Amino acid sequence: MTIREELENAERSFLSPYASLSMNSAGRDREEPQDDLRPVYQRDRDRILHSKSFRRLKHKTQVFLAPEGDHYRTRLTHTLEVSQISRTIAKSLRLNEDLTEAIALGHDLGHTPFGHAGERVLNRICPQGFKHSIQSVRTVEFLEKNGKGLNLTKEVRDGIRNHGTHSMPSTMEGKVVRISDKIAYINHDIDDSIRAGIFAEEDIPGEYTERLGNSVRSRLNTLIRDVIFNSIGIPDIRMSEGMFETMMSLRTWLFENVYLNSAPKEEEGKAEEMIRLLYEYFLSHPREMPEEYQYFMNECGQSLERTVCDYIAGMSDQYAIRTFEDLFVPKSWTKM
């Protein structure tokens, strides 16, 4: 018996009847020999962790564009916090941690530079539209490894595709990531906003602090425990009704006070215009895109518009700014 088979048997013995067992996975689009050490979801987690798109998350905006300071969240640190919260919930409910972690680490791989500002402008100018959850699946199915993708299991891709507010994953592990994403960004966006001086902890309305606590630690503890104790022994991941309403109301308060009206968001218009100009430039100069994108058009039959959208969506903030400067900002020169 291989180590993988021993681990699969351990899952079957220990995990909840509602958990996704590695041995019962619906599989991959392209069949592969099983690994002798790692069950399928652990292999998926490792593939995501070693992907180029995962590494680029460290230089992509979470909420605040180009903040001065080392302690603001990026898309990568957000992803890691979602993973940590998801694993805590999954472990407590005896769900499959490998599947949970793979979905969490992959859920934002398709996010654009400059956060949701980049997503908005690409959705507006790309003929096919743009949604980061769909782009994340596209990244793991096609864009990674020069058109081969990572060949992840169907359960991981389902969780990545359906982690947003208006869709629902088919696995309990995917549902854990879906609610953990909200818990993570609501709390770390409060923390970053306080750090940025947008508001103070004391400015958060009492209706939220009385229920959730008056620190990031207490809010996280309250929300995570509520999910766990309201999901034990049932085939669903849920919060108590009042707690969920409080969390979503706090989310609305953040939209009104941070996401739509804070001073750092004033830079978003510049970021959107930068992305629009880059998109128009590469539509007119497709041969200036890297070789892998030439391959997508010439060998895979992908449209120019789709390819330019993929190229820009994959850029980090710094790479987009550097490319824009190279193309549109005059450079100093010295006459020899």
Protein backbone atom coordinates (compact mmCIF):
# COMPACT_ATOMS: atom_id res chain seq x y z
CA MET A 1 0.00 0.00 0.00
CA THR A 2 1.36 3.42 -0.96
CA ILE A 3 1.53 6.43 1.37
CA ARG A 4 -1.20 8.06 -0.73
CA GLU A 5 -3.52 5.09 -0.19
CA GLU A 6 -2.84 5.17 3.55
CA LEU A 7 -3.73 8.87 3.61
CA GLU A 8 -6.90 8.22 1.61
CA ASN A 9 -7.93 5.50 4.03
CA ALA A 10 -7.25 7.85 6.94
CA GLU A 11 -9.55 10.42 5.33
CA ARG A 12 -12.30 7.84 4.99
CA SER A 13 -11.95 6.86 8.65
CA PHE A 14 -11.72 10.33 10.17
CA LEU A 15 -13.42 12.93 8.00
CA SER A 16 -17.04 13.99 8.29
CA PRO A 17 -19.60 12.18 6.12
CA TYR A 18 -20.09 15.56 4.41
CA ALA A 19 -16.41 15.95 3.52
CA SER A 20 -15.00 15.44 0.02
CA LEU A 21 -12.78 12.35 0.03
CA SER A 22 -9.74 12.41 -2.23
CA MET A 23 -10.47 8.88 -3.45
CA ASN A 24 -13.94 10.00 -4.62
CA SER A 25 -12.80 12.97 -6.68
CA ALA A 26 -14.50 13.42 -10.04
CA GLY A 27 -11.00 13.66 -11.46
CA ARG A 28 -9.17 15.84 -13.94
CA ASP A 29 -9.92 16.74 -17.55
CA ARG A 30 -6.76 14.90 -18.56
CA GLU A 31 -6.16 11.63 -16.78
CA GLU A 32 -2.87 11.25 -14.95
CA PRO A 33 -1.22 8.43 -13.02
CA GLN A 34 -1.81 8.74 -9.28
CA ASP A 35 1.08 9.97 -7.14
CA ASP A 36 2.43 7.46 -4.64
CA LEU A 37 2.75 10.10 -1.88
CA ARG A 38 0.05 12.73 -2.31
CA PRO A 39 -3.74 12.47 -2.70
CA VAL A 40 -5.22 14.47 -5.58
CA TYR A 41 -6.20 17.61 -3.65
CA GLN A 42 -2.77 17.88 -2.05
CA ARG A 43 -1.23 17.73 -5.53
CA ASP A 44 -3.59 20.51 -6.65
CA ARG A 45 -2.58 22.64 -3.67
CA ASP A 46 1.09 22.17 -4.55
CA ARG A 47 0.54 23.00 -8.22
CA ILE A 48 -1.18 26.27 -7.34
CA LEU A 49 1.49 27.18 -4.81
CA HIS A 50 4.25 26.74 -7.41
CA SER A 51 2.44 28.53 -10.24
CA LYS A 52 3.53 31.83 -11.76
CA SER A 53 0.12 33.39 -11.22
CA PHE A 54 0.32 32.66 -7.49
CA ARG A 55 3.70 34.40 -7.20
CA ARG A 56 2.36 37.46 -9.00
CA LEU A 57 -0.27 37.98 -6.29
CA LYS A 58 2.37 39.52 -4.03
CA HIS A 59 2.46 42.58 -6.29
CA LYS A 60 -1.28 42.97 -6.89
CA THR A 61 -3.50 45.42 -5.04
CA GLN A 62 -5.96 44.20 -2.45
CA VAL A 63 -7.75 47.47 -1.61
CA PHE A 64 -5.30 50.38 -1.44
CA LEU A 65 -3.33 51.21 -4.58
CA ALA A 66 0.44 51.63 -4.10
CA PRO A 67 0.34 52.19 -0.32
CA GLU A 68 3.43 53.55 1.42
CA GLY A 69 4.23 51.02 4.12
CA ASP A 70 5.09 47.35 4.42
CA HIS A 71 2.08 46.22 6.43
CA TYR A 72 -0.83 46.76 4.05
CA ARG A 73 -2.41 43.67 2.55
CA THR A 74 -1.73 42.60 -0.99
CA ARG A 75 -3.69 40.07 -2.99
CA LEU A 76 -1.21 37.43 -1.79
CA THR A 77 -1.53 38.18 1.92
CA HIS A 78 -5.32 38.26 1.51
CA THR A 79 -5.13 34.81 -0.09
CA LEU A 80 -3.03 33.48 2.78
CA GLU A 81 -5.45 34.86 5.35
CA VAL A 82 -8.39 33.25 3.53
CA SER A 83 -6.45 29.99 3.54
CA GLN A 84 -5.76 30.20 7.28
CA ILE A 85 -9.39 30.95 8.17
CA SER A 86 -10.64 28.25 5.81
CA ARG A 87 -8.33 25.63 7.27
CA THR A 88 -9.39 26.48 10.83
CA ILE A 89 -13.04 25.97 9.91
CA ALA A 90 -12.38 22.86 7.82
CA LYS A 91 -10.30 21.21 10.55
CA SER A 92 -12.94 21.91 13.19
CA LEU A 93 -15.68 20.40 11.00
CA ARG A 94 -13.50 17.45 9.91
CA LEU A 95 -13.63 18.48 6.25
CA ASN A 96 -10.87 17.93 3.71
CA GLU A 97 -8.17 20.48 4.50
CA ASP A 98 -6.20 19.79 1.31
CA LEU A 99 -9.20 20.57 -0.89
CA THR A 100 -10.08 23.60 1.23
CA GLU A 101 -6.55 24.98 1.03
CA ALA A 102 -6.25 24.38 -2.72
CA ILE A 103 -9.46 26.34 -3.38
CA ALA A 104 -8.40 29.13 -1.02
CA LEU A 105 -4.95 29.51 -2.58
CA GLY A 106 -6.40 29.53 -6.09
CA HIS A 107 -9.51 31.63 -5.65
CA ASP A 108 -7.97 34.97 -6.72
CA LEU A 109 -5.35 33.83 -9.26
CA GLY A 110 -7.20 35.63 -12.06
CA HIS A 111 -7.43 38.98 -10.31
CA THR A 112 -6.29 42.02 -12.25
CA PRO A 113 -3.70 44.61 -11.31
CA PHE A 114 -5.11 47.44 -9.17
CA GLY A 115 -7.77 45.29 -7.52
CA HIS A 116 -11.43 45.75 -8.37
CA ALA A 117 -10.63 48.94 -10.30
CA GLY A 118 -8.79 46.80 -12.83
CA GLU A 119 -11.63 44.29 -12.90
CA ARG A 120 -14.20 47.01 -13.55
CA VAL A 121 -12.40 48.52 -16.50
CA LEU A 122 -11.63 45.17 -18.15
CA ASN A 123 -15.26 44.14 -17.74
CA ARG A 124 -16.23 47.37 -19.44
CA ILE A 125 -13.83 47.26 -22.40
CA CYS A 126 -13.38 43.55 -23.13
CA PRO A 127 -16.02 42.20 -25.56
CA GLN A 128 -16.45 39.01 -23.50
CA GLY A 129 -16.63 40.92 -20.23
CA PHE A 130 -14.44 40.10 -17.25
CA LYS A 131 -15.02 38.49 -13.86
CA HIS A 132 -12.05 37.56 -11.69
CA SER A 133 -13.51 34.25 -10.50
CA ILE A 134 -13.98 33.09 -14.09
CA GLN A 135 -10.49 34.36 -14.97
CA SER A 136 -9.06 32.42 -12.03
CA VAL A 137 -10.49 29.21 -13.50
CA ARG A 138 -9.24 30.21 -16.93
CA THR A 139 -5.79 30.72 -15.42
CA VAL A 140 -5.59 27.20 -13.99
CA GLU A 141 -7.28 25.53 -16.96
CA PHE A 142 -5.43 27.26 -19.78
CA LEU A 143 -3.11 30.19 -19.15
CA GLU A 144 -0.63 28.45 -16.86
CA LYS A 145 2.05 26.32 -18.51
CA ASN A 146 1.61 27.94 -21.95
CA GLY A 147 -1.89 26.74 -22.68
CA LYS A 148 -1.72 23.40 -20.86
CA GLY A 149 -3.06 24.66 -17.55
CA LEU A 150 -2.52 22.98 -14.20
CA ASN A 151 -5.02 20.16 -14.87
CA LEU A 152 -6.65 20.54 -11.45
CA THR A 153 -9.48 18.38 -10.18
CA LYS A 154 -13.04 19.39 -10.88
CA GLU A 155 -13.75 20.02 -7.19
CA VAL A 156 -10.96 22.60 -6.89
CA ARG A 157 -12.04 24.39 -10.05
CA ASP A 158 -15.66 24.41 -8.89
CA GLY A 159 -14.66 26.03 -5.61
CA ILE A 160 -12.57 28.68 -7.37
CA ARG A 161 -15.33 29.44 -9.86
CA ASN A 162 -18.07 29.79 -7.24
CA HIS A 163 -16.38 31.62 -4.37
CA GLY A 164 -18.25 34.87 -5.00
CA THR A 165 -21.39 36.26 -3.38
CA HIS A 166 -23.79 35.28 -6.16
CA SER A 167 -22.82 31.63 -6.69
CA MET A 168 -22.49 28.50 -4.56
CA PRO A 169 -19.82 25.77 -4.69
CA SER A 170 -20.86 22.12 -4.86
CA THR A 171 -18.58 20.96 -2.02
CA MET A 172 -18.58 21.79 1.67
CA GLU A 173 -14.92 22.78 1.33
CA GLY A 174 -15.78 25.28 -1.38
CA LYS A 175 -18.50 26.74 0.83
CA VAL A 176 -15.95 27.15 3.63
CA VAL A 177 -13.69 29.19 1.35
CA ARG A 178 -16.62 31.26 0.10
CA ILE A 179 -17.56 32.46 3.58
CA SER A 180 -13.92 32.69 4.75
CA ASP A 181 -13.16 35.10 1.89
CA LYS A 182 -15.74 37.54 3.25
CA ILE A 183 -14.58 37.12 6.85
CA ALA A 184 -11.00 37.76 5.77
CA TYR A 185 -11.45 40.86 3.63
CA ILE A 186 -13.95 42.58 5.90
CA ASN A 187 -11.59 42.29 8.84
CA HIS A 188 -8.28 43.02 7.15
CA ASP A 189 -9.78 45.94 5.25
CA ILE A 190 -10.84 47.44 8.58
CA ASP A 191 -7.30 46.92 9.87
CA ASP A 192 -5.72 48.51 6.79
CA SER A 193 -8.18 51.42 6.87
CA ILE A 194 -7.32 52.17 10.48
CA ARG A 195 -3.62 51.97 9.61
CA ALA A 196 -4.22 54.42 6.74
CA GLY A 197 -5.99 56.88 9.05
CA ILE A 198 -9.30 56.67 7.18
CA PHE A 199 -11.14 55.99 10.40
CA ALA A 200 -10.36 54.87 13.96
CA GLU A 201 -11.55 51.75 15.73
CA GLU A 202 -13.84 54.00 17.78
CA ASP A 203 -15.56 55.20 14.60
CA ILE A 204 -17.00 51.76 13.82
CA PRO A 205 -20.69 51.90 14.79
CA GLY A 206 -21.58 50.30 18.10
CA GLU A 207 -24.12 47.99 16.48
CA TYR A 208 -21.14 46.09 15.00
CA THR A 209 -18.59 46.32 17.81
CA GLU A 210 -21.13 45.22 20.44
CA ARG A 211 -21.86 42.07 18.45
CA LEU A 212 -18.48 41.31 16.90
CA GLY A 213 -15.94 42.93 19.22
CA ASN A 214 -13.69 45.98 19.01
CA SER A 215 -10.52 44.48 17.53
CA VAL A 216 -9.58 42.44 14.48
CA ARG A 217 -8.75 39.51 16.74
CA SER A 218 -12.10 39.52 18.52
CA ARG A 219 -14.08 39.97 15.29
CA LEU A 220 -12.29 37.10 13.59
CA ASN A 221 -12.76 34.87 16.63
CA THR A 222 -16.46 35.71 16.86
CA LEU A 223 -17.20 35.12 13.17
CA ILE A 224 -15.13 31.96 12.79
CA ARG A 225 -16.61 30.36 15.91
CA ASP A 226 -20.11 31.27 14.76
CA VAL A 227 -19.55 29.50 11.43
CA ILE A 228 -18.14 26.39 13.10
CA PHE A 229 -20.82 25.98 15.76
CA ASN A 230 -23.66 26.62 13.31
CA SER A 231 -22.28 24.14 10.75
CA ILE A 232 -21.57 21.11 12.96
CA GLY A 233 -23.44 18.00 11.88
CA ILE A 234 -25.25 19.52 8.89
CA PRO A 235 -24.50 19.37 5.14
CA ASP A 236 -24.01 23.13 4.85
CA ILE A 237 -21.72 25.96 5.93
CA ARG A 238 -23.63 28.77 7.57
CA MET A 239 -23.66 31.49 10.18
CA SER A 240 -26.42 32.19 12.63
CA GLU A 241 -28.94 34.46 10.94
CA GLY A 242 -28.27 37.49 13.09
CA MET A 243 -24.48 37.13 12.80
CA PHE A 244 -24.57 36.89 9.01
CA GLU A 245 -26.77 39.97 8.81
CA THR A 246 -24.38 41.85 11.09
CA MET A 247 -21.36 40.86 8.98
CA MET A 248 -23.02 41.87 5.72
CA SER A 249 -24.22 45.14 7.22
CA LEU A 250 -20.63 45.87 8.31
CA ARG A 251 -19.57 45.08 4.73
CA THR A 252 -22.06 47.69 3.48
CA TRP A 253 -20.64 50.20 5.97
CA LEU A 254 -17.15 49.51 4.57
CA PHE A 255 -18.38 50.14 1.03
CA GLU A 256 -19.77 53.49 2.08
CA ASN A 257 -16.76 54.57 4.12
CA VAL A 258 -13.76 52.91 2.44
CA TYR A 259 -14.33 51.16 -0.88
CA LEU A 260 -16.20 54.02 -2.53
CA ASN A 261 -15.27 57.20 -0.67
CA SER A 262 -11.78 57.01 0.87
CA ALA A 263 -8.89 59.20 -0.20
CA PRO A 264 -6.69 56.32 -1.44
CA LYS A 265 -9.43 55.36 -3.89
CA GLU A 266 -8.95 58.64 -5.71
CA GLU A 267 -6.06 57.00 -7.58
CA GLU A 268 -8.35 54.38 -9.08
CA GLY A 269 -9.36 56.63 -11.97
CA LYS A 270 -5.72 56.86 -13.03
CA ALA A 271 -5.34 53.08 -12.78
CA GLU A 272 -8.43 52.49 -14.90
CA GLU A 273 -7.23 54.91 -17.57
CA MET A 274 -3.82 53.23 -17.58
CA ILE A 275 -5.38 49.82 -18.18
CA ARG A 276 -7.62 51.21 -20.92
CA LEU A 277 -4.66 52.71 -22.75
CA LEU A 278 -2.63 49.50 -22.41
CA TYR A 279 -5.54 47.50 -23.80
CA GLU A 280 -5.92 49.78 -26.82
CA TYR A 281 -2.17 49.80 -27.43
CA PHE A 282 -1.79 46.02 -27.52
CA LEU A 283 -4.87 45.68 -29.72
CA SER A 284 -2.96 47.78 -32.23
CA HIS A 285 0.47 46.23 -31.51
CA PRO A 286 -0.17 42.56 -30.73
CA ARG A 287 3.34 41.47 -31.72
CA GLU A 288 4.73 43.38 -28.76
CA MET A 289 3.11 40.97 -26.31
CA PRO A 290 5.30 38.13 -24.93
CA GLU A 291 5.76 34.92 -26.91
CA GLU A 292 3.31 32.86 -24.89
CA TYR A 293 0.50 35.22 -25.86
CA GLN A 294 1.55 35.04 -29.51
CA TYR A 295 1.22 31.27 -29.10
CA PHE A 296 -2.30 31.60 -27.71
CA MET A 297 -3.35 33.49 -30.83
CA ASN A 298 -1.35 31.72 -33.53
CA GLU A 299 -1.44 28.12 -32.30
CA CYS A 300 -4.50 27.98 -30.05
CA GLY A 301 -6.77 30.13 -32.21
CA GLN A 302 -7.58 32.63 -29.48
CA SER A 303 -8.97 36.01 -30.49
CA LEU A 304 -6.83 39.13 -30.23
CA GLU A 305 -9.24 40.78 -27.79
CA ARG A 306 -9.27 37.75 -25.48
CA THR A 307 -5.48 37.51 -25.58
CA VAL A 308 -4.92 41.18 -24.75
CA CYS A 309 -7.38 40.87 -21.88
CA ASP A 310 -5.50 37.81 -20.56
CA TYR A 311 -2.18 39.61 -20.84
CA ILE A 312 -3.29 42.69 -18.95
CA ALA A 313 -5.20 40.71 -16.31
CA GLY A 314 -2.04 38.76 -15.53
CA MET A 315 0.09 41.85 -14.95
CA SER A 316 1.19 42.86 -11.47
CA ASP A 317 0.68 46.48 -10.46
CA GLN A 318 4.37 47.26 -10.92
CA TYR A 319 4.59 45.53 -14.28
CA ALA A 320 1.55 47.41 -15.58
CA ILE A 321 3.00 50.75 -14.41
CA ARG A 322 6.44 49.93 -15.87
CA THR A 323 4.92 48.87 -19.20
CA PHE A 324 2.81 52.03 -19.32
CA GLU A 325 5.85 54.19 -18.61
CA ASP A 326 7.88 52.44 -21.30
CA LEU A 327 5.13 53.00 -23.86
CA PHE A 328 3.72 56.42 -23.01
CA VAL A 329 6.08 58.41 -20.73
CA PRO A 330 8.90 60.35 -22.46
CA LYS A 331 12.36 59.36 -21.32
CA SER A 332 15.35 61.57 -20.70
CA TRP A 333 18.22 61.18 -23.16
CA THR A 334 21.77 62.34 -23.54
CA LYS A 335 23.32 63.38 -26.83
CA MET A 336 26.65 61.59 -27.29
